[in-house]
C-alpha atoms as a PDB file:
ATOM      1  CA  UNK A   1      14.834-123.571-108.405  1.00  0.00           C
ATOM      2  CA  UNK A   2      12.030-121.674-106.688  1.00  0.00           C
ATOM      3  CA  UNK A   3      11.249-120.768-103.092  1.00  0.00           C
ATOM      4  CA  UNK A   4       7.994-121.583-101.290  1.00  0.00           C
ATOM      5  CA  UNK A   5       6.877-120.222 -97.932  1.00  0.00           C
ATOM      6  CA  UNK A   6       5.007-122.758 -95.796  1.00  0.00           C
ATOM      7  CA  UNK A   7       3.099-121.215 -92.891  1.00  0.00           C
ATOM      8  CA  UNK A   8       2.472-123.934 -90.287  1.00  0.00           C
ATOM      9  CA  UNK A   9      -0.067-122.538 -87.839  1.00  0.00           C
ATOM     10  CA  UNK A  10      -0.887-124.287 -84.570  1.00  0.00           C
ATOM     11  CA  UNK A  11      -4.090-126.319 -84.693  1.00  0.00           C
ATOM     12  CA  UNK A  12      -3.730-128.969 -81.974  1.00  0.00           C
ATOM     13  CA  UNK A  13      -1.266-128.451 -79.084  1.00  0.00           C
ATOM     14  CA  UNK A  14      -1.436-132.079 -77.937  1.00  0.00           C
ATOM     15  CA  UNK A  15      -0.670-133.507 -81.383  1.00  0.00           C
ATOM     16  CA  UNK A  16       2.033-130.881 -81.789  1.00  0.00           C
ATOM     17  CA  UNK A  17       3.798-132.182 -78.673  1.00  0.00           C
ATOM     18  CA  UNK A  18       3.462-135.788 -79.843  1.00  0.00           C
ATOM     19  CA  UNK A  19       4.851-135.174 -83.354  1.00  0.00           C
ATOM     20  CA  UNK A  20       7.398-132.428 -82.622  1.00  0.00           C
ATOM     21  CA  UNK A  21      10.444-134.733 -82.547  1.00  0.00           C
ATOM     22  CA  UNK A  22       9.408-136.355 -85.843  1.00  0.00           C
ATOM     23  CA  UNK A  23       8.906-132.854 -87.288  1.00  0.00           C
ATOM     24  CA  UNK A  24      12.437-131.834 -86.273  1.00  0.00           C
ATOM     25  CA  UNK A  25      13.898-135.024 -87.779  1.00  0.00           C
ATOM     26  CA  UNK A  26      11.928-134.337 -90.981  1.00  0.00           C
ATOM     27  CA  UNK A  27      13.310-130.785 -91.191  1.00  0.00           C
ATOM     28  CA  UNK A  28      16.886-131.949 -90.631  1.00  0.00           C
ATOM     29  CA  UNK A  29      16.513-134.541 -93.388  1.00  0.00           C
ATOM     30  CA  UNK A  30      15.074-131.978 -95.818  1.00  0.00           C
ATOM     31  CA  UNK A  31      17.958-129.611 -94.996  1.00  0.00           C
ATOM     32  CA  UNK A  32      20.457-132.385 -95.840  1.00  0.00           C
ATOM     33  CA  UNK A  33      18.618-132.890 -99.141  1.00  0.00           C
ATOM     34  CA  UNK A  34      18.927-129.165 -99.925  1.00  0.00           C
ATOM     35  CA  UNK A  35      15.170-128.632 -99.812  1.00  0.00           C
ATOM     36  CA  UNK A  36      15.072-125.975 -97.056  1.00  0.00           C
ATOM     37  CA  UNK A  37      16.343-122.413 -97.373  1.00  0.00           C
ATOM     38  CA  UNK A  38      15.283-121.227 -93.902  1.00  0.00           C
ATOM     39  CA  UNK A  39      13.000-122.232 -91.048  1.00  0.00           C
ATOM     40  CA  UNK A  40      11.909-121.123 -87.606  1.00  0.00           C
ATOM     41  CA  UNK A  41       9.119-120.858 -85.082  1.00  0.00           C
ATOM     42  CA  UNK A  42       6.962-117.851 -84.295  1.00  0.00           C
ATOM     43  CA  UNK A  43       7.886-116.626 -80.817  1.00  0.00           C
ATOM     44  CA  UNK A  44       4.230-116.310 -79.809  1.00  0.00           C
ATOM     45  CA  UNK A  45       3.886-120.107 -79.977  1.00  0.00           C
ATOM     46  CA  UNK A  46       1.367-119.929 -82.819  1.00  0.00           C
ATOM     47  CA  UNK A  47       3.336-121.958 -85.333  1.00  0.00           C
ATOM     48  CA  UNK A  48       6.277-121.521 -87.657  1.00  0.00           C
ATOM     49  CA  UNK A  49       7.572-120.884 -91.150  1.00  0.00           C
ATOM     50  CA  UNK A  50       9.608-123.057 -93.507  1.00  0.00           C
ATOM     51  CA  UNK A  51      11.014-121.784 -96.792  1.00  0.00           C
ATOM     52  CA  UNK A  52      11.258-124.783 -99.108  1.00  0.00           C
ATOM     53  CA  UNK A  53      13.331-125.013-102.283  1.00  0.00           C
ATOM     54  CA  UNK A  54      11.609-126.892-105.096  1.00  0.00           C
ATOM     55  CA  UNK A  55      11.168-126.896-108.863  1.00  0.00           C
ATOM     56  CA  UNK A  56       7.392-126.444-108.720  1.00  0.00           C
ATOM     57  CA  UNK A  57       4.497-125.608-106.435  1.00  0.00           C
ATOM     58  CA  UNK A  58       3.360-129.225-106.668  1.00  0.00           C
ATOM     59  CA  UNK A  59       6.726-130.546-105.498  1.00  0.00           C
ATOM     60  CA  UNK A  60       6.833-128.068-102.609  1.00  0.00           C
ATOM     61  CA  UNK A  61       3.286-129.022-101.610  1.00  0.00           C
ATOM     62  CA  UNK A  62       4.158-132.724-101.542  1.00  0.00           C
ATOM     63  CA  UNK A  63       7.164-132.019 -99.334  1.00  0.00           C
ATOM     64  CA  UNK A  64       5.235-129.704 -96.994  1.00  0.00           C
ATOM     65  CA  UNK A  65       2.302-132.120 -96.670  1.00  0.00           C
ATOM     66  CA  UNK A  66       4.680-134.908 -95.641  1.00  0.00           C
ATOM     67  CA  UNK A  67       5.817-132.938 -92.569  1.00  0.00           C
ATOM     68  CA  UNK A  68       4.588-134.996 -89.579  1.00  0.00           C
ATOM     69  CA  UNK A  69       2.993-131.921 -87.957  1.00  0.00           C
ATOM     70  CA  UNK A  70       0.938-131.276 -91.090  1.00  0.00           C
ATOM     71  CA  UNK A  71       0.165-134.936 -91.851  1.00  0.00           C
ATOM     72  CA  UNK A  72      -1.036-135.504 -88.274  1.00  0.00           C
ATOM     73  CA  UNK A  73      -3.292-132.449 -88.242  1.00  0.00           C
ATOM     74  CA  UNK A  74      -1.283-130.712 -85.515  1.00  0.00           C
ATOM     75  CA  UNK A  75      -0.664-127.726 -87.804  1.00  0.00           C
ATOM     76  CA  UNK A  76      -2.444-126.171 -90.744  1.00  0.00           C
ATOM     77  CA  UNK A  77      -0.530-125.533 -93.950  1.00  0.00           C
ATOM     78  CA  UNK A  78      -0.619-122.482 -96.198  1.00  0.00           C
ATOM     79  CA  UNK A  79       1.905-122.569 -99.045  1.00  0.00           C
ATOM     80  CA  UNK A  80       2.891-119.669-101.285  1.00  0.00           C
ATOM     81  CA  UNK A  81       5.577-119.201-103.904  1.00  0.00           C
ATOM     82  CA  UNK A  82       8.024-116.635-102.529  1.00  0.00           C
ATOM     83  CA  UNK A  83      10.026-114.249-104.685  1.00  0.00           C
ATOM     84  CA  UNK A  84      13.043-113.531-102.526  1.00  0.00           C
ATOM     85  CA  UNK A  85      14.567-110.058-102.598  1.00  0.00           C
ATOM     86  CA  UNK A  86      17.796-109.295-100.759  1.00  0.00           C
ATOM     87  CA  UNK A  87      18.490-105.788 -99.458  1.00  0.00           C
ATOM     88  CA  UNK A  88      21.467-104.247-101.294  1.00  0.00           C
ATOM     89  CA  UNK A  89      23.586-103.738 -98.150  1.00  0.00           C
ATOM     90  CA  UNK A  90      23.195-107.236 -96.751  1.00  0.00           C
END
């Protein structure tokens, strides 16, 4: 099990509004499948971040590319493997 950070930056506001509900349904489904560690929007309205759980970069990329906001071109996608570190007092 590995973690992958997907940066979803705003590209098209109109498409974003059209596909937002589908995006939220997609995220809820992936959470039920155990494929999401964390997610959230950037407060400046410029996009968001999803931390996916997958066995490989290729698997994470397939999941991230199937997000309706990415597939529609509403958001760009940058995906990186993330090595999570937890602060000792957390």
